[in-house]
Amino acid sequence: YRTARPAMDGLRIAENGVLLLCSSLLHAPTTAY
């Protein structure tokens, strides 16, 4: 869990970065993945 929690927090932050800064075409595949 001490490994999983930061990995998943980082993934959520990175996902939000893609949603904020990248093309809207990339939003749905990023969220699904």
Full PDB file with SEQRES, HELIX, SHEET, SSBOND, CRYST1, ORIGX, SCALE, CONECT and MASTER records, all heavy atoms in Angstrom:
SEQRES   1 A   33  TYR ARG THR ALA ARG PRO ALA MET ASP GLY LEU ARG ILE          
SEQRES   2 A   33  ALA GLU ASN GLY VAL LEU LEU LEU CYS SER SER LEU LEU          
SEQRES   3 A   33  HIS ALA PRO THR THR ALA TYR                                  
HELIX    1 AA1 ALA A    4  LEU A   21  1                                  18    
HELIX    2 AA2 SER A   24  LEU A   26  5                                   3    
HELIX    3 AA3 HIS A   27  ALA A   32  1                                   6    
CRYST1    1.000    1.000    1.000  90.00  90.00  90.00 P 1           1          
ORIGX1      1.000000  0.000000  0.000000        0.00000                         
ORIGX2      0.000000  1.000000  0.000000        0.00000                         
ORIGX3      0.000000  0.000000  1.000000        0.00000                         
SCALE1      1.000000  0.000000  0.000000        0.00000                         
SCALE2      0.000000  1.000000  0.000000        0.00000                         
SCALE3      0.000000  0.000000  1.000000        0.00000                         
ATOM      1  N   TYR A   1       0.825  -1.206   0.000  1.00  0.00           N  
ATOM      2  CA  TYR A   1       0.000   0.000   0.000  1.00  0.00           C  
ATOM      3  C   TYR A   1       0.860   1.258   0.000  1.00  0.00           C  
ATOM      4  O   TYR A   1       0.530   2.232  -0.677  1.00  0.00           O  
ATOM      5  CB  TYR A   1      -0.934  -0.004   1.223  1.00  0.00           C  
ATOM      6  CG  TYR A   1      -1.810   1.222   1.282  1.00  0.00           C  
ATOM      7  CD1 TYR A   1      -3.007   1.266   0.588  1.00  0.00           C  
ATOM      8  CD2 TYR A   1      -1.435   2.337   2.028  1.00  0.00           C  
ATOM      9  CE1 TYR A   1      -3.817   2.393   0.630  1.00  0.00           C  
ATOM     10  CE2 TYR A   1      -2.228   3.464   2.070  1.00  0.00           C  
ATOM     11  CZ  TYR A   1      -3.413   3.486   1.373  1.00  0.00           C  
ATOM     12  OH  TYR A   1      -4.205   4.603   1.410  1.00  0.00           O  
ATOM     13  N   ARG A   2       1.962   1.241   0.736  1.00  0.00           N  
ATOM     14  CA  ARG A   2       2.845   2.411   0.776  1.00  0.00           C  
ATOM     15  C   ARG A   2       3.491   2.669  -0.585  1.00  0.00           C  
ATOM     16  O   ARG A   2       3.934   3.788  -0.854  1.00  0.00           O  
ATOM     17  CB  ARG A   2       3.903   2.256   1.868  1.00  0.00           C  
ATOM     18  CG  ARG A   2       3.333   2.411   3.265  1.00  0.00           C  
ATOM     19  CD  ARG A   2       4.414   2.536   4.330  1.00  0.00           C  
ATOM     20  NE  ARG A   2       5.406   1.472   4.300  1.00  0.00           N  
ATOM     21  CZ  ARG A   2       5.298   0.315   4.948  1.00  0.00           C  
ATOM     22  NH1 ARG A   2       4.236   0.063   5.682  1.00  0.00           N  
ATOM     23  NH2 ARG A   2       6.257  -0.580   4.872  1.00  0.00           N  
ATOM     24  N   THR A   3       3.544   1.683  -1.427  1.00  0.00           N  
ATOM     25  CA  THR A   3       4.018   1.863  -2.802  1.00  0.00           C  
ATOM     26  C   THR A   3       2.861   2.245  -3.722  1.00  0.00           C  
ATOM     27  O   THR A   3       3.007   3.112  -4.593  1.00  0.00           O  
ATOM     28  CB  THR A   3       4.671   0.561  -3.316  1.00  0.00           C  
ATOM     29  OG1 THR A   3       5.734   0.215  -2.446  1.00  0.00           O  
ATOM     30  CG2 THR A   3       5.197   0.713  -4.718  1.00  0.00           C  
ATOM     31  N   ALA A   4       1.723   1.604  -3.524  1.00  0.00           N  
ATOM     32  CA  ALA A   4       0.575   1.811  -4.407  1.00  0.00           C  
ATOM     33  C   ALA A   4      -0.025   3.214  -4.277  1.00  0.00           C  
ATOM     34  O   ALA A   4      -0.354   3.850  -5.288  1.00  0.00           O  
ATOM     35  CB  ALA A   4      -0.505   0.765  -4.126  1.00  0.00           C  
ATOM     36  N   ARG A   5      -0.177   3.677  -3.063  1.00  0.00           N  
ATOM     37  CA  ARG A   5      -0.840   4.970  -2.845  1.00  0.00           C  
ATOM     38  C   ARG A   5      -0.139   6.121  -3.581  1.00  0.00           C  
ATOM     39  O   ARG A   5      -0.779   6.847  -4.329  1.00  0.00           O  
ATOM     40  CB  ARG A   5      -0.927   5.245  -1.337  1.00  0.00           C  
ATOM     41  CG  ARG A   5      -1.570   6.544  -0.949  1.00  0.00           C  
ATOM     42  CD  ARG A   5      -3.092   6.495  -0.939  1.00  0.00           C  
ATOM     43  NE  ARG A   5      -3.648   6.789  -2.255  1.00  0.00           N  
ATOM     44  CZ  ARG A   5      -4.797   6.322  -2.718  1.00  0.00           C  
ATOM     45  NH1 ARG A   5      -5.528   5.528  -1.996  1.00  0.00           N  
ATOM     46  NH2 ARG A   5      -5.237   6.647  -3.909  1.00  0.00           N  
ATOM     47  N   PRO A   6       1.179   6.304  -3.423  1.00  0.00           N  
ATOM     48  CA  PRO A   6       1.826   7.400  -4.157  1.00  0.00           C  
ATOM     49  C   PRO A   6       1.796   7.204  -5.676  1.00  0.00           C  
ATOM     50  O   PRO A   6       1.691   8.182  -6.426  1.00  0.00           O  
ATOM     51  CB  PRO A   6       3.264   7.418  -3.647  1.00  0.00           C  
ATOM     52  CG  PRO A   6       3.327   6.488  -2.510  1.00  0.00           C  
ATOM     53  CD  PRO A   6       2.089   5.661  -2.495  1.00  0.00           C  
ATOM     54  N   ALA A   7       1.868   5.960  -6.117  1.00  0.00           N  
ATOM     55  CA  ALA A   7       1.805   5.701  -7.562  1.00  0.00           C  
ATOM     56  C   ALA A   7       0.454   6.130  -8.118  1.00  0.00           C  
ATOM     57  O   ALA A   7       0.376   6.781  -9.167  1.00  0.00           O  
ATOM     58  CB  ALA A   7       2.055   4.224  -7.844  1.00  0.00           C  
ATOM     59  N   MET A   8      -0.614   5.807  -7.412  1.00  0.00           N  
ATOM     60  CA  MET A   8      -1.943   6.155  -7.886  1.00  0.00           C  
ATOM     61  C   MET A   8      -2.219   7.653  -7.728  1.00  0.00           C  
ATOM     62  O   MET A   8      -2.890   8.248  -8.578  1.00  0.00           O  
ATOM     63  CB  MET A   8      -3.008   5.318  -7.160  1.00  0.00           C  
ATOM     64  CG  MET A   8      -2.863   3.829  -7.452  1.00  0.00           C  
ATOM     65  SD  MET A   8      -2.715   3.432  -9.220  1.00  0.00           S  
ATOM     66  CE  MET A   8      -4.347   3.885  -9.793  1.00  0.00           C  
ATOM     67  N   ASP A   9      -1.704   8.250  -6.675  1.00  0.00           N  
ATOM     68  CA  ASP A   9      -1.840   9.706  -6.543  1.00  0.00           C  
ATOM     69  C   ASP A   9      -1.124  10.412  -7.696  1.00  0.00           C  
ATOM     70  O   ASP A   9      -1.650  11.354  -8.285  1.00  0.00           O  
ATOM     71  CB  ASP A   9      -1.267  10.183  -5.205  1.00  0.00           C  
ATOM     72  CG  ASP A   9      -2.138   9.785  -4.023  1.00  0.00           C  
ATOM     73  OD1 ASP A   9      -3.296   9.366  -4.232  1.00  0.00           O  
ATOM     74  OD2 ASP A   9      -1.641   9.889  -2.879  1.00  0.00           O  
ATOM     75  N   GLY A  10       0.072   9.936  -8.017  1.00  0.00           N  
ATOM     76  CA  GLY A  10       0.819  10.505  -9.142  1.00  0.00           C  
ATOM     77  C   GLY A  10       0.085  10.324 -10.458  1.00  0.00           C  
ATOM     78  O   GLY A  10       0.071  11.221 -11.308  1.00  0.00           O  
ATOM     79  N   LEU A  11      -0.541   9.159 -10.627  1.00  0.00           N  
ATOM     80  CA  LEU A  11      -1.306   8.902 -11.847  1.00  0.00           C  
ATOM     81  C   LEU A  11      -2.469   9.886 -11.962  1.00  0.00           C  
ATOM     82  O   LEU A  11      -2.721  10.440 -13.035  1.00  0.00           O  
ATOM     83  CB  LEU A  11      -1.822   7.461 -11.869  1.00  0.00           C  
ATOM     84  CG  LEU A  11      -2.620   7.072 -13.107  1.00  0.00           C  
ATOM     85  CD1 LEU A  11      -1.737   7.086 -14.352  1.00  0.00           C  
ATOM     86  CD2 LEU A  11      -3.270   5.718 -12.919  1.00  0.00           C  
ATOM     87  N   ARG A  12      -3.170  10.119 -10.863  1.00  0.00           N  
ATOM     88  CA  ARG A  12      -4.304  11.062 -10.888  1.00  0.00           C  
ATOM     89  C   ARG A  12      -3.829  12.476 -11.219  1.00  0.00           C  
ATOM     90  O   ARG A  12      -4.474  13.197 -11.986  1.00  0.00           O  
ATOM     91  CB  ARG A  12      -5.026  11.062  -9.550  1.00  0.00           C  
ATOM     92  CG  ARG A  12      -6.070   9.997  -9.477  1.00  0.00           C  
ATOM     93  CD  ARG A  12      -6.928  10.140  -8.231  1.00  0.00           C  
ATOM     94  NE  ARG A  12      -7.260   8.813  -7.773  1.00  0.00           N  
ATOM     95  CZ  ARG A  12      -6.562   8.101  -6.900  1.00  0.00           C  
ATOM     96  NH1 ARG A  12      -5.502   8.603  -6.336  1.00  0.00           N  
ATOM     97  NH2 ARG A  12      -6.930   6.891  -6.576  1.00  0.00           N  
ATOM     98  N   ILE A  13      -2.725  12.877 -10.635  1.00  0.00           N  
ATOM     99  CA  ILE A  13      -2.183  14.215 -10.913  1.00  0.00           C  
ATOM    100  C   ILE A  13      -1.770  14.320 -12.380  1.00  0.00           C  
ATOM    101  O   ILE A  13      -2.070  15.306 -13.059  1.00  0.00           O  
ATOM    102  CB  ILE A  13      -1.003  14.523  -9.973  1.00  0.00           C  
ATOM    103  CG1 ILE A  13      -1.510  14.677  -8.537  1.00  0.00           C  
ATOM    104  CG2 ILE A  13      -0.250  15.770 -10.425  1.00  0.00           C  
ATOM    105  CD1 ILE A  13      -0.420  14.664  -7.489  1.00  0.00           C  
ATOM    106  N   ALA A  14      -1.100  13.281 -12.880  1.00  0.00           N  
ATOM    107  CA  ALA A  14      -0.670  13.282 -14.283  1.00  0.00           C  
ATOM    108  C   ALA A  14      -1.877  13.270 -15.220  1.00  0.00           C  
ATOM    109  O   ALA A  14      -1.873  13.939 -16.258  1.00  0.00           O  
ATOM    110  CB  ALA A  14       0.236  12.086 -14.550  1.00  0.00           C  
ATOM    111  N   GLU A  15      -2.914  12.522 -14.864  1.00  0.00           N  
ATOM    112  CA  GLU A  15      -4.140  12.501 -15.667  1.00  0.00           C  
ATOM    113  C   GLU A  15      -4.740  13.901 -15.744  1.00  0.00           C  
ATOM    114  O   GLU A  15      -5.117  14.374 -16.821  1.00  0.00           O  
ATOM    115  CB  GLU A  15      -5.156  11.541 -15.062  1.00  0.00           C  
ATOM    116  CG  GLU A  15      -6.499  11.543 -15.764  1.00  0.00           C  
ATOM    117  CD  GLU A  15      -7.563  10.758 -15.027  1.00  0.00           C  
ATOM    118  OE1 GLU A  15      -7.314  10.219 -13.934  1.00  0.00           O  
ATOM    119  OE2 GLU A  15      -8.688  10.699 -15.563  1.00  0.00           O  
ATOM    120  N   ASN A  16      -4.821  14.574 -14.615  1.00  0.00           N  
ATOM    121  CA  ASN A  16      -5.368  15.937 -14.603  1.00  0.00           C  
ATOM    122  C   ASN A  16      -4.501  16.891 -15.417  1.00  0.00           C  
ATOM    123  O   ASN A  16      -5.021  17.817 -16.047  1.00  0.00           O  
ATOM    124  CB  ASN A  16      -5.541  16.440 -13.174  1.00  0.00           C  
ATOM    125  CG  ASN A  16      -6.706  15.770 -12.481  1.00  0.00           C  
ATOM    126  OD1 ASN A  16      -7.687  15.394 -13.115  1.00  0.00           O  
ATOM    127  ND2 ASN A  16      -6.602  15.592 -11.180  1.00  0.00           N  
ATOM    128  N   GLY A  17      -3.189  16.675 -15.413  1.00  0.00           N  
ATOM    129  CA  GLY A  17      -2.304  17.486 -16.246  1.00  0.00           C  
ATOM    130  C   GLY A  17      -2.615  17.312 -17.719  1.00  0.00           C  
ATOM    131  O   GLY A  17      -2.662  18.294 -18.472  1.00  0.00           O  
ATOM    132  N   VAL A  18      -2.855  16.078 -18.141  1.00  0.00           N  
ATOM    133  CA  VAL A  18      -3.213  15.824 -19.540  1.00  0.00           C  
ATOM    134  C   VAL A  18      -4.544  16.504 -19.858  1.00  0.00           C  
ATOM    135  O   VAL A  18      -4.687  17.149 -20.903  1.00  0.00           O  
ATOM    136  CB  VAL A  18      -3.286  14.305 -19.827  1.00  0.00           C  
ATOM    137  CG1 VAL A  18      -3.898  14.031 -21.196  1.00  0.00           C  
ATOM    138  CG2 VAL A  18      -1.901  13.679 -19.734  1.00  0.00           C  
ATOM    139  N   LEU A  19      -5.513  16.376 -18.955  1.00  0.00           N  
ATOM    140  CA  LEU A  19      -6.825  16.988 -19.189  1.00  0.00           C  
ATOM    141  C   LEU A  19      -6.728  18.504 -19.265  1.00  0.00           C  
ATOM    142  O   LEU A  19      -7.466  19.146 -20.013  1.00  0.00           O  
ATOM    143  CB  LEU A  19      -7.808  16.570 -18.101  1.00  0.00           C  
ATOM    144  CG  LEU A  19      -8.101  15.072 -17.994  1.00  0.00           C  
ATOM    145  CD1 LEU A  19      -9.079  14.801 -16.861  1.00  0.00           C  
ATOM    146  CD2 LEU A  19      -8.601  14.496 -19.297  1.00  0.00           C  
ATOM    147  N   LEU A  20      -5.821  19.079 -18.512  1.00  0.00           N  
ATOM    148  CA  LEU A  20      -5.675  20.531 -18.463  1.00  0.00           C  
ATOM    149  C   LEU A  20      -4.885  21.085 -19.651  1.00  0.00           C  
ATOM    150  O   LEU A  20      -5.252  22.104 -20.223  1.00  0.00           O  
ATOM    151  CB  LEU A  20      -4.981  20.933 -17.158  1.00  0.00           C  
ATOM    152  CG  LEU A  20      -4.711  22.416 -16.944  1.00  0.00           C  
ATOM    153  CD1 LEU A  20      -6.025  23.178 -16.832  1.00  0.00           C  
ATOM    154  CD2 LEU A  20      -3.868  22.616 -15.698  1.00  0.00           C  
ATOM    155  N   LEU A  21      -3.810  20.400 -20.038  1.00  0.00           N  
ATOM    156  CA  LEU A  21      -2.856  20.981 -20.976  1.00  0.00           C  
ATOM    157  C   LEU A  21      -2.881  20.410 -22.390  1.00  0.00           C  
ATOM    158  O   LEU A  21      -2.304  21.005 -23.295  1.00  0.00           O  
ATOM    159  CB  LEU A  21      -1.438  20.832 -20.416  1.00  0.00           C  
ATOM    160  CG  LEU A  21      -1.175  21.557 -19.102  1.00  0.00           C  
ATOM    161  CD1 LEU A  21       0.186  21.177 -18.557  1.00  0.00           C  
ATOM    162  CD2 LEU A  21      -1.290  23.049 -19.284  1.00  0.00           C  
ATOM    163  N   CYS A  22      -3.509  19.269 -22.565  1.00  0.00           N  
ATOM    164  CA  CYS A  22      -3.427  18.606 -23.869  1.00  0.00           C  
ATOM    165  C   CYS A  22      -4.745  18.692 -24.635  1.00  0.00           C  
ATOM    166  O   CYS A  22      -5.769  19.100 -24.099  1.00  0.00           O  
ATOM    167  CB  CYS A  22      -3.012  17.154 -23.678  1.00  0.00           C  
ATOM    168  SG  CYS A  22      -1.345  16.998 -22.999  1.00  0.00           S  
ATOM    169  N   SER A  23      -4.684  18.266 -25.866  1.00  0.00           N  
ATOM    170  CA  SER A  23      -5.827  18.280 -26.763  1.00  0.00           C  
ATOM    171  C   SER A  23      -7.024  17.557 -26.153  1.00  0.00           C  
ATOM    172  O   SER A  23      -6.872  16.514 -25.507  1.00  0.00           O  
ATOM    173  CB  SER A  23      -5.441  17.602 -28.081  1.00  0.00           C  
ATOM    174  OG  SER A  23      -6.580  17.317 -28.847  1.00  0.00           O  
ATOM    175  N   SER A  24      -8.219  18.078 -26.401  1.00  0.00           N  
ATOM    176  CA  SER A  24      -9.431  17.438 -25.884  1.00  0.00           C  
ATOM    177  C   SER A  24      -9.623  16.043 -26.481  1.00  0.00           C  
ATOM    178  O   SER A  24     -10.307  15.214 -25.895  1.00  0.00           O  
ATOM    179  CB  SER A  24     -10.653  18.309 -26.156  1.00  0.00           C  
ATOM    180  OG  SER A  24     -10.817  18.509 -27.539  1.00  0.00           O  
ATOM    181  N   LEU A  25      -9.022  15.772 -27.619  1.00  0.00           N  
ATOM    182  CA  LEU A  25      -9.085  14.423 -28.203  1.00  0.00           C  
ATOM    183  C   LEU A  25      -8.433  13.390 -27.294  1.00  0.00           C  
ATOM    184  O   LEU A  25      -8.776  12.208 -27.347  1.00  0.00           O  
ATOM    185  CB  LEU A  25      -8.383  14.406 -29.566  1.00  0.00           C  
ATOM    186  CG  LEU A  25      -8.961  15.306 -30.651  1.00  0.00           C  
ATOM    187  CD1 LEU A  25      -8.072  15.285 -31.888  1.00  0.00           C  
ATOM    188  CD2 LEU A  25     -10.370  14.873 -30.992  1.00  0.00           C  
ATOM    189  N   LEU A  26      -7.520  13.822 -26.457  1.00  0.00           N  
ATOM    190  CA  LEU A  26      -6.781  12.917 -25.579  1.00  0.00           C  
ATOM    191  C   LEU A  26      -7.488  12.683 -24.251  1.00  0.00           C  
ATOM    192  O   LEU A  26      -7.138  11.761 -23.519  1.00  0.00           O  
ATOM    193  CB  LEU A  26      -5.380  13.501 -25.346  1.00  0.00           C  
ATOM    194  CG  LEU A  26      -4.277  12.591 -24.865  1.00  0.00           C  
ATOM    195  CD1 LEU A  26      -4.179  11.325 -25.689  1.00  0.00           C  
ATOM    196  CD2 LEU A  26      -2.952  13.327 -24.895  1.00  0.00           C  
ATOM    197  N   HIS A  27      -8.515  13.457 -23.942  1.00  0.00           N  
ATOM    198  CA  HIS A  27      -9.166  13.370 -22.636  1.00  0.00           C  
ATOM    199  C   HIS A  27      -9.813  12.008 -22.384  1.00  0.00           C  
ATOM    200  O   HIS A  27      -9.569  11.388 -21.342  1.00  0.00           O  
ATOM    201  CB  HIS A  27     -10.189  14.483 -22.472  1.00  0.00           C  
ATOM    202  CG  HIS A  27      -9.557  15.845 -22.444  1.00  0.00           C  
ATOM    203  ND1 HIS A  27     -10.298  16.979 -22.279  1.00  0.00           N  
ATOM    204  CD2 HIS A  27      -8.278  16.261 -22.571  1.00  0.00           C  
ATOM    205  CE1 HIS A  27      -9.506  18.038 -22.294  1.00  0.00           C  
ATOM    206  NE2 HIS A  27      -8.272  17.621 -22.488  1.00  0.00           N  
ATOM    207  N   ALA A  28     -10.656  11.545 -23.281  1.00  0.00           N  
ATOM    208  CA  ALA A  28     -11.369  10.281 -23.063  1.00  0.00           C  
ATOM    209  C   ALA A  28     -10.415   9.088 -22.964  1.00  0.00           C  
ATOM    210  O   ALA A  28     -10.546   8.281 -22.031  1.00  0.00           O  
ATOM    211  CB  ALA A  28     -12.411  10.060 -24.159  1.00  0.00           C  
ATOM    212  N   PRO A  29      -9.440   8.931 -23.860  1.00  0.00           N  
ATOM    213  CA  PRO A  29      -8.531   7.784 -23.720  1.00  0.00           C  
ATOM    214  C   PRO A  29      -7.685   7.849 -22.449  1.00  0.00           C  
ATOM    215  O   PRO A  29      -7.392   6.817 -21.846  1.00  0.00           O  
ATOM    216  CB  PRO A  29      -7.640   7.849 -24.965  1.00  0.00           C  
ATOM    217  CG  PRO A  29      -8.287   8.774 -25.899  1.00  0.00           C  
ATOM    218  CD  PRO A  29      -9.212   9.642 -25.121  1.00  0.00           C  
ATOM    219  N   THR A  30      -7.314   9.053 -22.031  1.00  0.00           N  
ATOM    220  CA  THR A  30      -6.531   9.209 -20.805  1.00  0.00           C  
ATOM    221  C   THR A  30      -7.350   8.774 -19.603  1.00  0.00           C  
ATOM    222  O   THR A  30      -6.882   8.011 -18.757  1.00  0.00           O  
ATOM    223  CB  THR A  30      -6.070  10.671 -20.642  1.00  0.00           C  
ATOM    224  OG1 THR A  30      -5.282  11.039 -21.758  1.00  0.00           O  
ATOM    225  CG2 THR A  30      -5.270  10.861 -19.367  1.00  0.00           C  
ATOM    226  N   THR A  31      -8.573   9.246 -19.524  1.00  0.00           N  
ATOM    227  CA  THR A  31      -9.450   8.902 -18.406  1.00  0.00           C  
ATOM    228  C   THR A  31      -9.761   7.410 -18.394  1.00  0.00           C  
ATOM    229  O   THR A  31      -9.738   6.775 -17.336  1.00  0.00           O  
ATOM    230  CB  THR A  31     -10.740   9.735 -18.470  1.00  0.00           C  
ATOM    231  OG1 THR A  31     -10.383  11.122 -18.374  1.00  0.00           O  
ATOM    232  CG2 THR A  31     -11.692   9.396 -17.346  1.00  0.00           C  
ATOM    233  N   ALA A  32     -10.033   6.840 -19.553  1.00  0.00           N  
ATOM    234  CA  ALA A  32     -10.335   5.403 -19.630  1.00  0.00           C  
ATOM    235  C   ALA A  32      -9.140   4.568 -19.175  1.00  0.00           C  
ATOM    236  O   ALA A  32      -9.304   3.598 -18.419  1.00  0.00           O  
ATOM    237  CB  ALA A  32     -10.740   5.028 -21.055  1.00  0.00           C  
ATOM    238  N   TYR A  33      -7.957   4.926 -19.601  1.00  0.00           N  
ATOM    239  CA  TYR A  33      -6.752   4.193 -19.213  1.00  0.00           C  
ATOM    240  C   TYR A  33      -6.488   4.345 -17.713  1.00  0.00           C  
ATOM    241  O   TYR A  33      -6.197   3.366 -17.025  1.00  0.00           O  
ATOM    242  CB  TYR A  33      -5.572   4.685 -20.040  1.00  0.00           C  
ATOM    243  CG  TYR A  33      -4.292   3.911 -19.881  1.00  0.00           C  
ATOM    244  CD1 TYR A  33      -4.278   2.561 -19.550  1.00  0.00           C  
ATOM    245  CD2 TYR A  33      -3.067   4.521 -20.099  1.00  0.00           C  
ATOM    246  CE1 TYR A  33      -3.090   1.855 -19.420  1.00  0.00           C  
ATOM    247  CE2 TYR A  33      -1.874   3.832 -19.975  1.00  0.00           C  
ATOM    248  CZ  TYR A  33      -1.891   2.498 -19.633  1.00  0.00           C  
ATOM    249  OH  TYR A  33      -0.703   1.810 -19.499  1.00  0.00           O  
TER     250      TYR A  33                                                      
MASTER        0    0    0    3    0    0    0    6  249    1    0    3          
END                                                                             
